[in-house]
Amino acid sequence: MAILITGGCGYIGSHTAVELKKAGYDIVILDNYYNSKPEALRRIEELTQSDIPFYECDIRDADGLKRIFANHSIDAVIHFAGLKAVGESVAKPLVYYDNNVAGTVTLCQVMAELGCKRMVFSSSATVYGMNNPSPLGEDMPTGAVTNPYGRTKYIIEEILKDTCKSDPEWSVVCLRYFNPIGAHESGRIGEDPNGIPNNLMPYISQVAIGKLEKLSVFGNDYDTPDGTGIRDYIHVVDLAYGHVCAVKYALLHTGVEAINLGTGVGYSVLDLVNAFEKANNVKVPFEIVERRPGDIAVCYSEPSKAERMLGWKAVRNIEDMCRDSWRWQSDNPKGFE
């Protein structure tokens, strides 16, 4: 019983690969190394003490995908592969629609042709858009998204719903992530962004280690206790284990489910900075700058469906997230290089 992980060398993919192996699954990894590095695969193998079948392949390459399915008995696919930078998606929408949406359609066509109809899809809380109040629940309307990246996630969810409706043999779990941070407790794998980070935690860690001068906090005039934006931060290892639970569910059921993966607790930007400084005894200089267009004041999950349906609940706290992020950053100042 093998699970194919697309984008399995990326931040969340690599942690999920480790958790799947720990749970006793055989895995096959596909990645095109667009936003990841070969060293990540080596470290996954080191942590799992195993040789992992790997294919450098793009999800838009139908023949390449068919070769993987010919070489391995694949029971389910966890689909992470996709471009993920909001700003870049605004500048290059066609690249995002081609890679994320067309790539997923190609993957699903190959899966259907070869009789593998179980998928866990890496979706995002961004599908809830700007108009829903937190806590965000799975029954709320989706689609009022503000950028092409978020729209690709929404469109893919709709494509997967339509696919399940048209063919009752399909089983899909769309996992809507909130804000994954942290790293594996070994410090061997973690988030390794190309260039200047888009996400808050790698930015904080790079300021703390001296790679970047200071953190820019986008706005301190939101309607929140300290004026900075509130988000639902979740430890990446908790998130990864959520995929193990979702695969187990997908193998036993049919139809489509959307499920939040979050803690249900919101922390502000300054809460995170303070927790990071306290957990690691370091300083993170910051300055307040203008709000970013499209940012909302508060976003956190209602996570009870995951516990009810998957038996999953986040167990790591904000201190764990900060400590593990810093261990990864300080042990690997240049990431996977």
Protein backbone atom coordinates (compact mmCIF):
# COMPACT_ATOMS: atom_id res chain seq x y z
CA MET A 1 0.00 0.00 0.00
CA ALA A 2 1.85 3.08 -1.23
CA ILE A 3 0.88 6.73 -0.98
CA LEU A 4 2.08 9.09 -3.73
CA ILE A 5 3.04 12.52 -2.37
CA THR A 6 3.16 15.27 -5.01
CA GLY A 7 5.35 18.17 -3.88
CA GLY A 8 6.76 15.81 -1.25
CA CYS A 9 10.04 17.73 -0.82
CA GLY A 10 8.32 21.00 0.08
CA TYR A 11 7.75 22.38 3.57
CA ILE A 12 4.51 20.56 4.44
CA GLY A 13 5.15 17.64 2.06
CA SER A 14 8.47 16.71 3.69
CA HIS A 15 6.99 16.69 7.20
CA THR A 16 4.02 14.63 5.96
CA ALA A 17 6.38 12.12 4.31
CA VAL A 18 8.08 11.59 7.68
CA GLU A 19 4.76 11.18 9.53
CA LEU A 20 3.40 8.71 6.94
CA LYS A 21 6.51 6.54 7.21
CA LYS A 22 6.23 6.71 11.01
CA ALA A 23 2.62 5.47 10.70
CA GLY A 24 3.80 2.48 8.63
CA TYR A 25 2.86 3.59 5.09
CA ASP A 26 5.05 3.08 2.02
CA ILE A 27 5.50 6.35 0.17
CA VAL A 28 6.57 7.54 -3.27
CA ILE A 29 7.59 11.18 -3.71
CA LEU A 30 7.16 13.36 -6.78
CA ASP A 31 8.60 16.88 -6.92
CA ASN A 32 9.89 19.18 -9.66
CA TYR A 33 12.17 21.07 -7.23
CA TYR A 34 10.67 24.41 -8.27
CA ASN A 35 10.31 25.50 -4.66
CA SER A 36 12.26 22.76 -2.87
CA LYS A 37 15.72 21.19 -2.84
CA PRO A 38 17.16 17.66 -3.27
CA GLU A 39 18.70 17.92 0.21
CA ALA A 40 15.16 17.80 1.65
CA LEU A 41 14.72 14.30 0.19
CA ARG A 42 18.04 13.19 1.68
CA ARG A 43 16.96 14.42 5.10
CA ILE A 44 13.55 12.72 4.85
CA GLU A 45 15.43 9.49 4.15
CA GLU A 46 17.75 10.19 7.08
CA LEU A 47 14.85 10.80 9.49
CA THR A 48 12.90 7.74 8.31
CA GLN A 49 16.02 5.56 7.87
CA SER A 50 14.73 4.38 4.49
CA ASP A 51 15.28 4.71 0.75
CA ILE A 52 12.28 6.48 -0.71
CA PRO A 53 11.30 6.09 -4.38
CA PHE A 54 11.55 9.57 -5.92
CA TYR A 55 10.58 11.03 -9.30
CA GLU A 56 11.60 14.47 -10.51
CA CYS A 57 8.44 15.18 -12.42
CA ASP A 58 5.88 17.92 -13.03
CA ILE A 59 2.20 17.22 -12.35
CA ARG A 60 1.40 18.58 -15.82
CA ASP A 61 3.44 15.73 -17.37
CA ALA A 62 0.83 13.00 -17.92
CA ASP A 63 3.35 10.50 -19.32
CA GLY A 64 5.68 11.05 -16.35
CA LEU A 65 2.77 10.48 -13.96
CA LYS A 66 1.75 7.29 -15.78
CA ARG A 67 5.28 5.92 -15.39
CA ILE A 68 5.05 6.37 -11.61
CA PHE A 69 1.71 4.53 -11.47
CA ALA A 70 3.14 1.77 -13.71
CA ASN A 71 6.12 1.29 -11.38
CA HIS A 72 4.23 1.34 -8.06
CA SER A 73 0.91 0.18 -6.68
CA ILE A 74 -0.48 3.56 -5.58
CA ASP A 75 -3.51 3.45 -3.26
CA ALA A 76 -3.96 7.19 -2.71
CA VAL A 77 -2.40 10.54 -3.60
CA ILE A 78 -1.64 13.40 -1.24
CA HIS A 79 -1.53 16.39 -3.53
CA PHE A 80 0.69 19.26 -2.32
CA ALA A 81 2.35 20.28 -5.62
CA GLY A 82 1.46 23.85 -6.50
CA LEU A 83 2.71 27.43 -6.60
CA LYS A 84 1.88 29.32 -3.41
CA ALA A 85 3.03 32.96 -3.34
CA VAL A 86 0.10 35.39 -3.21
CA GLY A 87 2.03 38.37 -4.65
CA GLU A 88 3.51 36.33 -7.48
CA SER A 89 0.05 34.99 -8.32
CA VAL A 90 -1.22 38.55 -8.81
CA ALA A 91 1.70 39.27 -11.17
CA LYS A 92 1.54 35.91 -13.00
CA PRO A 93 -2.04 34.60 -12.85
CA LEU A 94 -1.77 32.44 -15.98
CA VAL A 95 1.28 30.63 -14.59
CA TYR A 96 -0.73 29.87 -11.42
CA TYR A 97 -3.83 28.67 -13.28
CA ASP A 98 -1.69 26.51 -15.57
CA ASN A 99 0.40 24.95 -12.81
CA ASN A 100 -2.15 24.59 -10.01
CA VAL A 101 -5.46 24.08 -11.83
CA ALA A 102 -4.40 22.46 -15.13
CA GLY A 103 -1.81 20.38 -13.24
CA THR A 104 -4.46 19.03 -10.88
CA VAL A 105 -6.77 18.21 -13.79
CA THR A 106 -3.95 16.25 -15.47
CA LEU A 107 -3.21 14.41 -12.22
CA CYS A 108 -6.89 13.52 -11.72
CA GLN A 109 -7.23 12.32 -15.33
CA VAL A 110 -4.25 9.99 -14.92
CA MET A 111 -5.54 8.77 -11.55
CA ALA A 112 -9.00 8.04 -13.00
CA GLU A 113 -7.54 6.28 -16.03
CA LEU A 114 -5.40 4.04 -13.83
CA GLY A 115 -8.09 3.36 -11.21
CA CYS A 116 -6.59 5.25 -8.26
CA LYS A 117 -9.45 7.44 -7.03
CA ARG A 118 -8.43 8.53 -3.53
CA MET A 119 -6.93 11.94 -2.89
CA VAL A 120 -6.08 14.22 0.00
CA PHE A 121 -5.82 17.75 -1.37
CA SER A 122 -3.73 20.52 0.14
CA SER A 123 -6.27 23.35 0.24
CA SER A 124 -6.22 26.53 2.29
CA ALA A 125 -8.29 28.69 4.61
CA THR A 126 -7.90 31.34 1.91
CA VAL A 127 -10.96 29.77 0.17
CA TYR A 128 -13.16 31.36 2.89
CA GLY A 129 -12.37 34.78 1.43
CA MET A 130 -12.86 38.14 3.08
CA ASN A 131 -16.52 38.07 4.13
CA ASN A 132 -16.88 35.28 6.71
CA PRO A 133 -16.48 35.99 10.43
CA SER A 134 -14.06 33.87 12.50
CA PRO A 135 -14.14 31.18 13.74
CA LEU A 136 -14.34 29.84 10.18
CA GLY A 137 -16.40 26.67 9.76
CA GLU A 138 -16.52 24.29 6.78
CA ASP A 139 -20.20 25.05 6.10
CA MET A 140 -19.49 28.74 5.43
CA PRO A 141 -19.60 30.01 1.82
CA THR A 142 -16.30 29.88 -0.09
CA GLY A 143 -15.00 31.59 -3.22
CA ALA A 144 -14.87 35.32 -2.39
CA VAL A 145 -11.08 35.16 -2.61
CA THR A 146 -8.89 38.17 -3.30
CA ASN A 147 -5.98 36.78 -5.35
CA PRO A 148 -5.28 34.18 -8.07
CA TYR A 149 -3.44 31.82 -5.66
CA GLY A 150 -6.52 31.58 -3.43
CA ARG A 151 -8.76 31.28 -6.47
CA THR A 152 -6.78 28.26 -7.71
CA LYS A 153 -7.42 26.51 -4.38
CA TYR A 154 -11.13 27.34 -4.58
CA ILE A 155 -11.40 26.21 -8.24
CA ILE A 156 -9.57 22.94 -7.49
CA GLU A 157 -11.95 22.21 -4.59
CA GLU A 158 -14.89 22.74 -6.98
CA ILE A 159 -13.30 20.50 -9.64
CA LEU A 160 -12.82 17.76 -7.04
CA LYS A 161 -16.43 18.11 -5.84
CA ASP A 162 -17.68 17.77 -9.43
CA THR A 163 -15.41 14.76 -9.99
CA CYS A 164 -16.79 12.99 -6.90
CA LYS A 165 -20.34 13.83 -7.94
CA SER A 166 -19.79 12.37 -11.42
CA ASP A 167 -18.11 9.15 -10.20
CA PRO A 168 -19.10 7.62 -6.84
CA GLU A 169 -15.85 5.62 -6.63
CA TRP A 170 -13.86 8.78 -5.88
CA SER A 171 -12.87 9.73 -2.33
CA VAL A 172 -11.43 13.20 -1.70
CA VAL A 173 -10.54 15.06 1.49
CA CYS A 174 -9.79 18.78 1.00
CA LEU A 175 -7.74 19.93 3.97
CA ARG A 176 -8.06 23.67 4.57
CA TYR A 177 -4.89 24.76 6.33
CA PHE A 178 -4.63 27.80 8.51
CA ASN A 179 -1.08 29.10 9.17
CA PRO A 180 1.53 26.34 9.42
CA ILE A 181 4.76 27.26 11.22
CA GLY A 182 7.45 25.41 13.17
CA ALA A 183 9.66 22.54 12.05
CA HIS A 184 10.48 18.93 12.83
CA GLU A 185 11.81 18.69 16.38
CA SER A 186 15.09 17.18 15.10
CA GLY A 187 15.91 20.47 13.38
CA ARG A 188 16.68 18.49 10.18
CA ILE A 189 13.74 19.67 8.04
CA GLY A 190 11.84 22.96 8.06
CA GLU A 191 10.63 25.86 5.95
CA ASP A 192 13.29 27.01 3.46
CA PRO A 193 11.84 29.85 1.36
CA ASN A 194 13.58 31.07 -1.79
CA GLY A 195 14.77 34.66 -1.30
CA ILE A 196 13.03 36.97 1.17
CA PRO A 197 10.29 35.02 2.99
CA ASN A 198 6.61 35.74 2.30
CA ASN A 199 5.52 34.10 5.56
CA LEU A 200 5.80 35.58 9.04
CA MET A 201 7.68 32.86 10.95
CA PRO A 202 10.64 32.38 8.57
CA TYR A 203 10.90 36.19 8.44
CA ILE A 204 11.01 36.38 12.26
CA SER A 205 13.68 33.64 12.41
CA GLN A 206 15.81 35.27 9.72
CA VAL A 207 15.68 38.59 11.61
CA ALA A 208 16.60 36.79 14.86
CA ILE A 209 19.63 35.15 13.24
CA GLY A 210 20.74 38.41 11.58
CA LYS A 211 20.04 37.54 7.93
CA LEU A 212 17.40 40.30 7.78
CA GLU A 213 17.58 43.63 9.62
CA LYS A 214 14.07 43.89 11.06
CA LEU A 215 10.55 42.60 10.75
CA SER A 216 7.94 44.76 9.02
CA VAL A 217 4.60 44.48 10.82
CA PHE A 218 1.87 45.38 8.34
CA GLY A 219 -0.51 47.63 10.28
CA ASN A 220 -1.20 48.12 14.00
CA ASP A 221 -4.61 49.76 13.65
CA TYR A 222 -6.78 46.64 13.18
CA ASP A 223 -9.72 46.04 15.50
CA THR A 224 -7.74 43.54 17.62
CA PRO A 225 -6.37 43.78 21.21
CA ASP A 226 -2.92 45.02 20.12
CA GLY A 227 -3.91 46.37 16.70
CA THR A 228 -2.02 43.70 14.69
CA GLY A 229 -3.59 40.94 12.60
CA ILE A 230 -4.68 37.71 14.30
CA ARG A 231 -4.09 34.29 12.70
CA ASP A 232 -4.46 30.62 13.62
CA TYR A 233 -0.90 29.26 13.73
CA ILE A 234 -0.52 25.49 13.63
CA HIS A 235 2.61 23.40 14.12
CA VAL A 236 3.64 21.82 10.81
CA VAL A 237 4.06 18.38 12.46
CA ASP A 238 0.46 18.52 13.76
CA LEU A 239 -0.60 19.53 10.25
CA ALA A 240 1.42 16.67 8.73
CA TYR A 241 -0.20 14.15 11.08
CA GLY A 242 -3.59 15.51 9.92
CA HIS A 243 -2.73 14.14 6.46
CA VAL A 244 -2.05 10.69 7.90
CA CYS A 245 -5.53 10.77 9.47
CA ALA A 246 -7.08 12.09 6.23
CA VAL A 247 -5.49 9.33 4.10
CA LYS A 248 -6.82 6.72 6.51
CA TYR A 249 -10.29 8.29 6.16
CA ALA A 250 -10.07 8.51 2.34
CA LEU A 251 -9.14 4.82 2.07
CA LEU A 252 -12.29 3.83 4.00
CA HIS A 253 -14.90 6.24 2.56
CA THR A 254 -16.09 7.71 -0.73
CA GLY A 255 -17.38 11.19 -1.58
CA VAL A 256 -15.80 14.55 -0.78
CA GLU A 257 -15.19 16.30 2.54
CA ALA A 258 -13.67 19.71 3.30
CA ILE A 259 -11.97 19.78 6.71
CA ASN A 260 -10.17 22.58 8.55
CA LEU A 261 -6.76 21.95 10.07
CA GLY A 262 -6.15 24.62 12.69
CA THR A 263 -5.95 25.02 16.45
CA GLY A 264 -9.01 27.23 16.85
CA VAL A 265 -6.87 29.77 18.72
CA GLY A 266 -5.82 33.11 17.24
CA TYR A 267 -2.53 34.87 17.99
CA SER A 268 -1.58 38.36 16.82
CA VAL A 269 1.65 39.19 14.98
CA LEU A 270 3.04 40.78 18.15
CA ASP A 271 1.94 37.76 20.24
CA LEU A 272 4.04 35.60 17.92
CA VAL A 273 7.05 37.95 18.07
CA ASN A 274 6.88 38.04 21.89
CA ALA A 275 6.46 34.26 22.16
CA PHE A 276 9.44 33.73 19.84
CA GLU A 277 11.66 36.10 21.85
CA LYS A 278 10.64 34.47 25.14
CA ALA A 279 10.94 30.84 23.97
CA ASN A 280 14.38 31.35 22.43
CA ASN A 281 15.87 34.20 24.47
CA VAL A 282 16.54 36.28 21.33
CA LYS A 283 15.52 39.73 20.12
CA VAL A 284 13.40 40.40 17.03
CA PRO A 285 13.53 44.10 16.08
CA PHE A 286 10.44 45.24 14.19
CA GLU A 287 8.81 48.34 12.72
CA ILE A 288 5.17 49.10 12.06
CA VAL A 289 4.44 49.82 8.38
CA GLU A 290 1.30 50.35 6.31
CA ARG A 291 -1.32 47.61 6.10
CA ARG A 292 -1.04 45.22 3.16
CA PRO A 293 -3.98 45.39 0.74
CA GLY A 294 -6.19 42.30 1.06
CA ASP A 295 -5.17 41.43 4.63
CA ILE A 296 -8.02 40.84 7.08
CA ALA A 297 -7.94 41.63 10.81
CA VAL A 298 -8.83 38.22 12.22
CA CYS A 299 -8.72 34.68 10.81
CA TYR A 300 -8.95 31.51 12.88
CA SER A 301 -10.58 28.10 12.55
CA GLU A 302 -13.43 26.15 14.03
CA PRO A 303 -11.53 22.82 14.11
CA SER A 304 -14.06 20.39 15.62
CA LYS A 305 -14.93 18.59 12.34
CA ALA A 306 -11.35 17.25 12.08
CA GLU A 307 -11.61 15.76 15.56
CA ARG A 308 -15.07 14.35 14.86
CA MET A 309 -14.33 12.83 11.44
CA LEU A 310 -10.59 12.15 11.48
CA GLY A 311 -9.87 11.77 15.19
CA TRP A 312 -7.30 14.56 14.78
CA LYS A 313 -6.53 17.49 17.05
CA ALA A 314 -3.56 19.87 17.21
CA VAL A 315 -1.45 19.10 20.29
CA ARG A 316 1.57 21.44 20.02
CA ASN A 317 1.45 24.97 21.44
CA ILE A 318 2.86 28.34 20.38
CA GLU A 319 6.05 27.78 22.44
CA ASP A 320 6.70 24.48 20.60
CA MET A 321 6.18 26.24 17.27
CA CYS A 322 8.61 29.05 18.16
CA ARG A 323 11.24 26.76 19.67
CA ASP A 324 11.22 24.31 16.74
CA SER A 325 11.32 27.14 14.17
CA TRP A 326 14.39 28.60 15.87
CA ARG A 327 16.15 25.24 16.16
CA TRP A 328 15.68 24.70 12.41
CA GLN A 329 16.87 28.24 11.57
CA SER A 330 19.88 28.26 13.90
CA ASP A 331 21.00 24.73 12.92
CA ASN A 332 20.52 25.52 9.21
CA PRO A 333 21.22 29.25 8.68
CA LYS A 334 21.29 28.69 4.91
CA GLY A 335 18.33 26.32 4.85
CA PHE A 336 18.98 23.10 2.92
CA GLU A 337 22.11 24.44 1.18
